[in-house]
Amino acid sequence: LNADNARFLLLAVLIVLYMLCGAAVFSAIELPTERETKERWEERLENFTRRHNLSRTELRLFLREYEEASVAGIRVDDIRPRWDFTGAFYFVGTVVSTIGFGMTTPATVGGKIFLIFYGLIGCAGTILFFNLFLERLITVIAYVMKSCHERQLRRKGVLPHNGRRGSGTSEVDSLAGWKPSVYYVMLILCVASLIISCCASAMYTPIEGWSYFDSLYFCFVAFSTIGFGDLVSSQNIKYESQGLYRFGNFVFILMGVCCIYSLFNVISIIIKQSINWILKKLDCRCCYRCQRKLLRSRRNVVMPGNVRSRRNISIETDVVNESDTDGRRMSGEMISMKDFLASNKVSLAIMQKQLSETANGYPRQMSSNSKQNGFSGGVGALAIMNNRLVETSVDR
């Protein structure tokens, strides 16, 4: 079982456990309220049928017909048409952004077929937009944080005030590879998302008539593209300053989705680092036990040079060790030099090349670069973020 598969299995187990815990908590919180609401509804239904001398079966059939009409956009209260141009534009916005509130859905076969192809292209294009937004956002954050870091060095007298880096000091040399911490980036994105949510809630509370907490709840559900549909903005027929409100609603949702999407990607990097740290701890304990057993059973053995001590494993060096040891992973087995050379069929030329590279410091340079990069690894949006952070660490 290699490291990638072990990481995948551990993440799958943790997600399942996380879902089980969430289901238990939500069930304990929401189930009593659901039962009370159902009892009150049954009591109301019984009283209504008695008072008006109606058949309960006919009344239930009537309510089912209303549920079907509700799916098509018909409501008891007066609201604006769901499928006028502005309503349809709001709908396609929820489709391509993958929010999908569910309050408006196509009822015709043609609309459902068109939605499949429209959503396929629209969702892909919007995800690409979010990735490019994330790339530029990371560039701006890294530039600002690096400028603040340079200003601190100038105050300490390490850097000259003209910004030149020709002094040759170690601090100046290390500044070229400086990179903002992933935790600082996460903190900045959290603050930005919170500010946008608070400002949007201040707009929704008086206009939509929601409480401030409900407005914050709607912001998270909408910005995270969960989109339950229990609260949906811009659904009434008329608003004060209707055009300005709808524009503000569009801007807040767009900015919120971009920030929360970026925040999710940064948090996923931290989760990956945590999983790597857990695996290293588990691997370290297993290898330590194997080494103790083999030391008791065998003598005159040597240990491969790439074996790392327990003290070198940390959450910062986890990603580095993962990339540096691919193809030559340490299994904890201790063998003699003769058996080692025979089993691996290492020629003298290859050994000389490896020794030469080690002496020249090439592997060390790769390791140091990776170590400075707190964002190494990643696919898709994570890879875009990693590449952008590597570029921002080079000379501006």
Protein backbone atom coordinates (compact mmCIF):
# COMPACT_ATOMS: atom_id res chain seq x y z
CA LEU A 1 0.00 0.00 0.00
CA ASN A 2 1.75 3.17 -1.21
CA ALA A 3 1.42 6.61 0.34
CA ASP A 4 -1.17 7.89 -2.15
CA ASN A 5 -3.51 4.96 -1.57
CA ALA A 6 -3.00 5.17 2.19
CA ARG A 7 -3.83 8.87 2.10
CA PHE A 8 -6.93 8.22 -0.01
CA LEU A 9 -8.20 5.47 2.30
CA LEU A 10 -7.56 7.53 5.42
CA LEU A 11 -9.37 10.52 3.94
CA ALA A 12 -12.32 8.31 2.93
CA VAL A 13 -12.55 6.89 6.45
CA LEU A 14 -12.37 10.34 8.01
CA ILE A 15 -15.09 11.68 5.68
CA VAL A 16 -17.37 8.75 6.51
CA LEU A 17 -16.80 9.29 10.24
CA TYR A 18 -17.41 13.02 9.79
CA MET A 19 -20.69 12.30 8.00
CA LEU A 20 -21.81 9.84 10.68
CA CYS A 21 -21.09 12.35 13.43
CA GLY A 22 -22.92 15.09 11.50
CA ALA A 23 -25.92 12.84 10.90
CA ALA A 24 -26.09 11.99 14.60
CA VAL A 25 -25.95 15.65 15.64
CA PHE A 26 -28.50 16.88 13.11
CA SER A 27 -30.83 13.99 13.89
CA ALA A 28 -30.68 14.76 17.61
CA ILE A 29 -31.33 18.47 17.00
CA GLU A 30 -33.92 18.44 14.21
CA LEU A 31 -35.91 15.22 14.71
CA PRO A 32 -37.91 16.39 17.78
CA THR A 33 -38.94 19.58 15.96
CA GLU A 34 -40.00 17.57 12.92
CA ARG A 35 -42.19 15.30 15.04
CA GLU A 36 -43.82 18.22 16.82
CA THR A 37 -44.53 19.96 13.52
CA LYS A 38 -46.04 16.79 12.07
CA GLU A 39 -48.31 16.34 15.09
CA ARG A 40 -49.51 19.94 14.87
CA TRP A 41 -50.20 19.54 11.15
CA GLU A 42 -52.19 16.35 11.64
CA GLU A 43 -54.23 18.04 14.33
CA ARG A 44 -54.93 21.03 12.10
CA LEU A 45 -55.90 18.79 9.22
CA GLU A 46 -58.30 16.84 11.40
CA ASN A 47 -59.95 19.99 12.76
CA PHE A 48 -60.27 21.47 9.26
CA THR A 49 -61.99 18.38 7.87
CA ARG A 50 -64.45 18.31 10.78
CA ARG A 51 -65.27 21.99 10.61
CA HIS A 52 -65.97 22.01 6.87
CA ASN A 53 -67.29 18.46 6.65
CA LEU A 54 -64.73 17.40 4.07
CA SER A 55 -63.34 14.03 3.23
CA ARG A 56 -59.78 13.73 4.42
CA THR A 57 -58.82 11.75 1.32
CA GLU A 58 -60.13 14.47 -1.02
CA LEU A 59 -58.33 17.12 0.99
CA ARG A 60 -55.04 15.24 0.72
CA LEU A 61 -55.49 14.91 -3.04
CA PHE A 62 -56.06 18.68 -3.25
CA LEU A 63 -52.89 19.32 -1.25
CA ARG A 64 -50.88 17.02 -3.53
CA GLU A 65 -52.10 19.00 -6.54
CA TYR A 66 -50.92 22.17 -4.86
CA GLU A 67 -47.52 20.59 -4.27
CA GLU A 68 -47.26 19.88 -7.99
CA ALA A 69 -48.22 23.49 -8.77
CA SER A 70 -45.64 24.66 -6.24
CA VAL A 71 -42.92 22.82 -8.14
CA ALA A 72 -43.90 24.80 -11.25
CA GLY A 73 -43.51 28.07 -9.32
CA ILE A 74 -47.05 28.72 -8.07
CA ARG A 75 -47.28 30.05 -4.53
CA VAL A 76 -50.08 31.23 -2.23
CA ASP A 77 -48.46 34.62 -1.73
CA ASP A 78 -48.01 37.02 -4.61
CA ILE A 79 -44.48 36.69 -5.93
CA ARG A 80 -42.94 37.61 -9.24
CA PRO A 81 -43.15 35.07 -12.10
CA ARG A 82 -40.44 32.45 -11.89
CA TRP A 83 -39.83 32.22 -15.62
CA ASP A 84 -39.80 35.80 -16.82
CA PHE A 85 -36.43 36.94 -18.16
CA THR A 86 -35.08 38.17 -14.82
CA GLY A 87 -36.31 35.03 -13.09
CA ALA A 88 -34.77 32.82 -15.78
CA PHE A 89 -31.48 34.73 -15.53
CA TYR A 90 -31.47 34.16 -11.77
CA PHE A 91 -32.14 30.46 -12.42
CA VAL A 92 -29.26 30.01 -14.87
CA GLY A 93 -27.02 31.81 -12.39
CA THR A 94 -27.85 29.17 -9.78
CA VAL A 95 -27.20 26.45 -12.37
CA VAL A 96 -23.77 27.50 -13.63
CA SER A 97 -22.60 28.39 -10.11
CA THR A 98 -23.77 24.92 -8.91
CA ILE A 99 -25.84 26.57 -6.15
CA GLY A 100 -29.12 25.06 -7.32
CA PHE A 101 -31.61 26.47 -4.79
CA GLY A 102 -34.40 24.25 -6.14
CA MET A 103 -37.19 26.80 -5.86
CA THR A 104 -37.25 26.96 -9.69
CA THR A 105 -36.84 23.84 -11.80
CA PRO A 106 -37.78 23.07 -15.42
CA ALA A 107 -41.12 21.30 -15.66
CA THR A 108 -41.10 20.46 -19.40
CA VAL A 109 -39.16 17.71 -21.12
CA GLY A 110 -37.52 20.20 -23.46
CA GLY A 111 -36.40 22.34 -20.55
CA LYS A 112 -34.90 19.34 -18.74
CA ILE A 113 -33.01 18.19 -21.83
CA PHE A 114 -31.68 21.68 -22.49
CA LEU A 115 -30.64 21.98 -18.85
CA ILE A 116 -28.41 18.88 -19.13
CA PHE A 117 -26.33 20.29 -21.98
CA TYR A 118 -26.50 23.88 -20.76
CA GLY A 119 -25.34 22.93 -17.27
CA LEU A 120 -22.56 20.69 -18.60
CA ILE A 121 -20.85 23.57 -20.39
CA GLY A 122 -21.88 26.30 -17.95
CA CYS A 123 -20.66 24.53 -14.81
CA ALA A 124 -17.34 23.65 -16.44
CA GLY A 125 -16.80 27.25 -17.55
CA THR A 126 -17.72 28.65 -14.15
CA ILE A 127 -15.36 26.26 -12.35
CA LEU A 128 -12.61 27.43 -14.70
CA PHE A 129 -13.47 31.03 -13.80
CA PHE A 130 -13.27 30.22 -10.08
CA ASN A 131 -9.86 28.58 -10.60
CA LEU A 132 -8.53 31.62 -12.46
CA PHE A 133 -9.97 33.90 -9.79
CA LEU A 134 -8.22 31.80 -7.15
CA GLU A 135 -4.93 32.09 -9.05
CA ARG A 136 -5.12 35.89 -9.14
CA LEU A 137 -6.32 36.12 -5.56
CA ILE A 138 -3.35 34.09 -4.32
CA THR A 139 -1.05 36.30 -6.41
CA VAL A 140 -2.42 39.47 -4.79
CA ILE A 141 -2.26 38.00 -1.27
CA ALA A 142 1.29 36.78 -1.77
CA TYR A 143 2.38 40.14 -3.21
CA VAL A 144 0.87 42.12 -0.32
CA MET A 145 2.28 39.80 2.35
CA LYS A 146 5.70 39.77 0.72
CA SER A 147 5.71 43.57 0.59
CA CYS A 148 4.87 43.71 4.29
CA HIS A 149 7.67 41.21 4.98
CA GLU A 150 10.16 43.32 3.03
CA ARG A 151 9.04 46.43 4.94
CA GLN A 152 9.72 44.67 8.22
CA LEU A 153 13.19 43.70 7.04
CA ARG A 154 13.90 47.31 6.03
CA ARG A 155 12.85 48.52 9.46
CA LYS A 156 15.31 46.07 11.02
CA GLY A 157 18.04 47.33 8.70
CA VAL A 158 18.47 44.03 6.87
CA LEU A 159 17.35 45.42 3.50
CA PRO A 160 18.39 48.81 2.10
CA HIS A 161 15.59 51.35 1.74
CA ASN A 162 16.10 51.56 -2.03
CA GLY A 163 14.93 47.94 -2.34
CA ARG A 164 18.12 46.53 -3.87
CA ARG A 165 19.11 43.02 -2.90
CA GLY A 166 22.77 43.04 -3.74
CA SER A 167 24.13 43.03 -0.19
CA GLY A 168 24.63 39.28 -0.21
CA THR A 169 23.32 38.70 3.29
CA SER A 170 21.55 35.47 4.14
CA GLU A 171 18.31 37.30 4.91
CA VAL A 172 18.28 38.89 1.47
CA ASP A 173 19.04 35.59 -0.21
CA SER A 174 16.28 33.84 1.68
CA LEU A 175 13.77 36.56 0.76
CA ALA A 176 13.81 35.41 -2.87
CA GLY A 177 12.29 32.11 -1.78
CA TRP A 178 9.98 33.57 0.85
CA LYS A 179 6.37 32.52 0.65
CA PRO A 180 3.28 33.31 2.77
CA SER A 181 2.12 30.62 5.14
CA VAL A 182 -0.97 28.67 4.20
CA TYR A 183 -2.44 29.54 7.58
CA TYR A 184 -2.08 33.28 6.91
CA VAL A 185 -3.79 32.85 3.54
CA MET A 186 -6.61 30.90 5.20
CA LEU A 187 -6.99 33.63 7.84
CA ILE A 188 -7.18 36.37 5.18
CA LEU A 189 -9.80 34.44 3.19
CA CYS A 190 -11.81 33.78 6.36
CA VAL A 191 -11.84 37.48 7.22
CA ALA A 192 -12.79 38.44 3.64
CA SER A 193 -15.61 35.87 3.56
CA LEU A 194 -16.89 37.04 6.95
CA ILE A 195 -16.87 40.70 5.89
CA ILE A 196 -18.76 39.94 2.67
CA SER A 197 -21.31 37.79 4.56
CA CYS A 198 -21.88 40.46 7.21
CA CYS A 199 -22.34 43.21 4.61
CA ALA A 200 -24.69 41.05 2.55
CA SER A 201 -26.70 40.14 5.67
CA ALA A 202 -27.06 43.82 6.52
CA MET A 203 -28.65 44.26 3.09
CA TYR A 204 -30.89 41.16 3.20
CA THR A 205 -32.27 41.74 6.71
CA PRO A 206 -34.34 44.90 6.04
CA ILE A 207 -35.16 44.17 2.39
CA GLU A 208 -36.14 40.49 2.60
CA GLY A 209 -37.54 40.73 6.13
CA TRP A 210 -35.27 37.99 7.50
CA SER A 211 -33.55 38.02 10.85
CA TYR A 212 -29.84 38.81 10.80
CA PHE A 213 -28.97 35.23 11.76
CA ASP A 214 -31.16 33.86 8.94
CA SER A 215 -29.40 36.23 6.56
CA LEU A 216 -25.99 34.92 7.67
CA TYR A 217 -27.30 31.38 7.27
CA PHE A 218 -28.48 32.17 3.74
CA CYS A 219 -25.10 33.70 2.89
CA PHE A 220 -23.22 30.57 3.89
CA VAL A 221 -25.65 28.23 2.13
CA ALA A 222 -25.54 30.32 -1.04
CA PHE A 223 -21.83 31.20 -1.05
CA SER A 224 -20.78 27.61 -0.39
CA THR A 225 -23.04 26.48 -3.31
CA ILE A 226 -24.97 24.14 -1.01
CA GLY A 227 -28.22 25.86 -1.97
CA PHE A 228 -30.97 24.25 0.13
CA GLY A 229 -33.63 26.62 -1.18
CA ASP A 230 -35.41 27.24 2.13
CA LEU A 231 -34.35 30.89 1.94
CA VAL A 232 -33.96 32.50 -1.49
CA SER A 233 -33.29 36.15 -2.17
CA SER A 234 -34.91 38.43 -4.75
CA GLN A 235 -38.21 36.49 -5.02
CA ASN A 236 -40.80 39.15 -4.17
CA ILE A 237 -42.63 41.08 -6.85
CA LYS A 238 -41.43 44.51 -5.79
CA TYR A 239 -38.60 45.91 -3.75
CA GLU A 240 -37.54 49.41 -2.88
CA SER A 241 -34.80 50.35 -5.34
CA GLN A 242 -35.39 47.04 -7.06
CA GLY A 243 -32.73 47.42 -9.76
CA LEU A 244 -30.05 48.44 -7.28
CA TYR A 245 -30.98 45.60 -4.92
CA ARG A 246 -30.79 42.94 -7.61
CA PHE A 247 -27.42 44.26 -8.75
CA GLY A 248 -26.14 44.21 -5.18
CA ASN A 249 -27.52 40.72 -4.70
CA PHE A 250 -25.66 39.52 -7.81
CA VAL A 251 -22.39 41.15 -6.74
CA PHE A 252 -22.53 39.78 -3.19
CA ILE A 253 -23.29 36.24 -4.37
CA LEU A 254 -20.50 36.36 -6.96
CA MET A 255 -17.91 37.70 -4.50
CA GLY A 256 -19.05 35.34 -1.76
CA VAL A 257 -18.89 32.25 -3.94
CA CYS A 258 -15.40 33.16 -5.16
CA CYS A 259 -14.07 33.76 -1.63
CA ILE A 260 -15.66 30.65 -0.10
CA TYR A 261 -14.47 28.54 -3.05
CA SER A 262 -10.92 29.78 -2.51
CA LEU A 263 -11.22 29.20 1.23
CA PHE A 264 -12.35 25.63 0.67
CA ASN A 265 -9.29 24.95 -1.49
CA VAL A 266 -6.93 26.35 1.13
CA ILE A 267 -8.62 24.33 3.89
CA SER A 268 -8.28 21.21 1.73
CA ILE A 269 -4.51 21.81 1.61
CA ILE A 270 -4.40 21.98 5.41
CA ILE A 271 -6.46 18.78 5.62
CA LYS A 272 -4.00 17.11 3.25
CA GLN A 273 -1.06 18.22 5.39
CA SER A 274 -2.81 16.90 8.50
CA ILE A 275 -3.45 13.55 6.84
CA ASN A 276 0.19 13.34 5.75
CA TRP A 277 1.26 14.15 9.31
CA ILE A 278 -0.96 11.37 10.69
CA LEU A 279 0.39 8.88 8.16
CA LYS A 280 3.97 9.84 9.00
CA LYS A 281 3.29 9.32 12.66
CA LEU A 282 1.75 5.92 12.01
CA ASP A 283 4.54 4.96 9.60
CA CYS A 284 7.15 6.16 12.05
CA ARG A 285 5.81 3.99 14.86
CA CYS A 286 5.54 0.94 12.62
CA CYS A 287 9.06 1.43 11.27
CA TYR A 288 10.44 1.97 14.77
CA ARG A 289 8.93 -1.30 15.96
CA CYS A 290 10.20 -3.18 12.91
CA GLN A 291 13.69 -1.78 13.41
CA ARG A 292 13.74 -2.88 17.03
CA LYS A 293 12.68 -6.40 16.08
CA LEU A 294 15.23 -6.66 13.29
CA LEU A 295 18.00 -5.29 15.49
CA ARG A 296 17.32 -8.06 17.95
CA SER A 297 17.26 -10.78 15.30
CA ARG A 298 20.05 -9.73 12.92
CA ARG A 299 23.60 -8.45 13.27
CA ASN A 300 26.18 -6.84 10.96
CA VAL A 301 23.58 -4.90 9.06
CA VAL A 302 23.51 -1.43 7.64
CA MET A 303 20.65 0.99 7.34
CA PRO A 304 19.85 2.73 4.02
CA GLY A 305 20.93 6.35 3.99
CA ASN A 306 17.52 7.77 3.23
CA VAL A 307 16.01 6.56 6.50
CA ARG A 308 14.66 9.52 8.42
CA SER A 309 14.61 9.84 12.15
CA ARG A 310 11.40 10.36 14.07
CA ARG A 311 12.38 13.88 15.01
CA ASN A 312 12.47 15.01 11.36
CA ILE A 313 8.81 14.32 10.75
CA SER A 314 6.52 17.27 11.06
CA ILE A 315 3.55 18.80 9.33
CA GLU A 316 5.85 21.23 7.49
CA THR A 317 8.25 18.61 6.15
CA ASP A 318 5.55 16.10 5.37
CA VAL A 319 4.92 17.21 1.80
CA VAL A 320 8.63 17.49 1.14
CA ASN A 321 9.40 13.98 2.29
CA GLU A 322 6.53 12.66 0.25
CA SER A 323 7.92 14.07 -3.00
CA ASP A 324 11.58 13.43 -2.27
CA THR A 325 11.20 9.74 -1.48
CA ASP A 326 8.96 8.63 -4.34
CA GLY A 327 10.36 5.52 -5.93
CA ARG A 328 12.72 4.81 -3.04
CA ARG A 329 10.44 4.60 -0.03
CA MET A 330 11.78 3.33 3.24
CA SER A 331 10.05 0.17 4.39
CA GLY A 332 11.91 -0.18 7.67
CA GLU A 333 13.77 -3.30 6.52
CA MET A 334 17.49 -3.48 7.35
CA ILE A 335 19.68 -5.49 4.96
CA SER A 336 23.35 -6.00 4.37
CA MET A 337 25.17 -3.91 1.77
CA LYS A 338 25.82 -6.98 -0.38
CA ASP A 339 22.16 -7.95 -0.41
CA PHE A 340 21.16 -4.35 -1.00
CA LEU A 341 23.34 -4.02 -4.10
CA ALA A 342 22.40 -7.42 -5.43
CA SER A 343 18.68 -7.05 -5.02
CA ASN A 344 18.51 -3.57 -6.51
CA LYS A 345 21.10 -4.21 -9.25
CA VAL A 346 22.70 -0.82 -8.78
CA SER A 347 25.52 -0.27 -11.24
CA LEU A 348 28.68 1.62 -10.37
CA ALA A 349 27.91 4.39 -12.86
CA ILE A 350 24.47 5.06 -11.36
CA MET A 351 25.92 5.11 -7.87
CA GLN A 352 28.60 7.57 -8.96
CA LYS A 353 25.97 9.80 -10.55
CA GLN A 354 23.85 9.77 -7.41
CA LEU A 355 26.87 10.49 -5.22
CA SER A 356 27.89 13.34 -7.52
CA GLU A 357 24.42 14.89 -7.42
CA THR A 358 24.37 14.58 -3.66
CA ALA A 359 27.78 16.19 -3.35
CA ASN A 360 26.76 19.06 -5.64
CA GLY A 361 23.65 19.67 -3.56
CA TYR A 362 21.00 19.12 -6.27
CA PRO A 363 18.66 16.97 -4.18
CA ARG A 364 19.14 19.35 -1.25
CA GLN A 365 18.11 22.30 -3.41
CA MET A 366 14.97 20.55 -4.49
CA SER A 367 14.15 19.67 -0.93
CA SER A 368 14.71 23.20 0.29
CA ASN A 369 12.51 24.65 -2.42
CA SER A 370 9.79 22.22 -1.59
CA LYS A 371 10.14 22.90 2.06
CA GLN A 372 9.70 26.60 1.50
CA ASN A 373 6.59 25.89 -0.45
CA GLY A 374 3.87 25.24 2.08
CA PHE A 375 1.42 24.52 -0.74
CA SER A 376 3.16 21.66 -2.54
CA GLY A 377 0.95 19.04 -4.13
CA GLY A 378 -2.56 19.39 -5.47
CA VAL A 379 -4.72 18.77 -8.52
CA GLY A 380 -6.87 21.20 -10.45
CA ALA A 381 -7.49 24.34 -8.42
CA LEU A 382 -4.87 23.23 -5.90
CA ALA A 383 -2.26 22.88 -8.63
CA ILE A 384 -3.07 26.35 -9.94
CA MET A 385 -2.63 27.75 -6.45
CA ASN A 386 0.65 25.90 -5.96
CA ASN A 387 2.13 27.09 -9.25
CA ARG A 388 1.12 30.66 -8.57
CA LEU A 389 2.70 30.58 -5.13
CA VAL A 390 5.91 29.21 -6.62
CA GLU A 391 5.95 32.04 -9.18
CA THR A 392 5.37 34.68 -6.52
CA SER A 393 8.40 33.45 -4.58
CA VAL A 394 10.71 34.41 -7.49
CA ASP A 395 12.01 37.95 -7.99
CA ARG A 396 9.27 40.47 -8.53
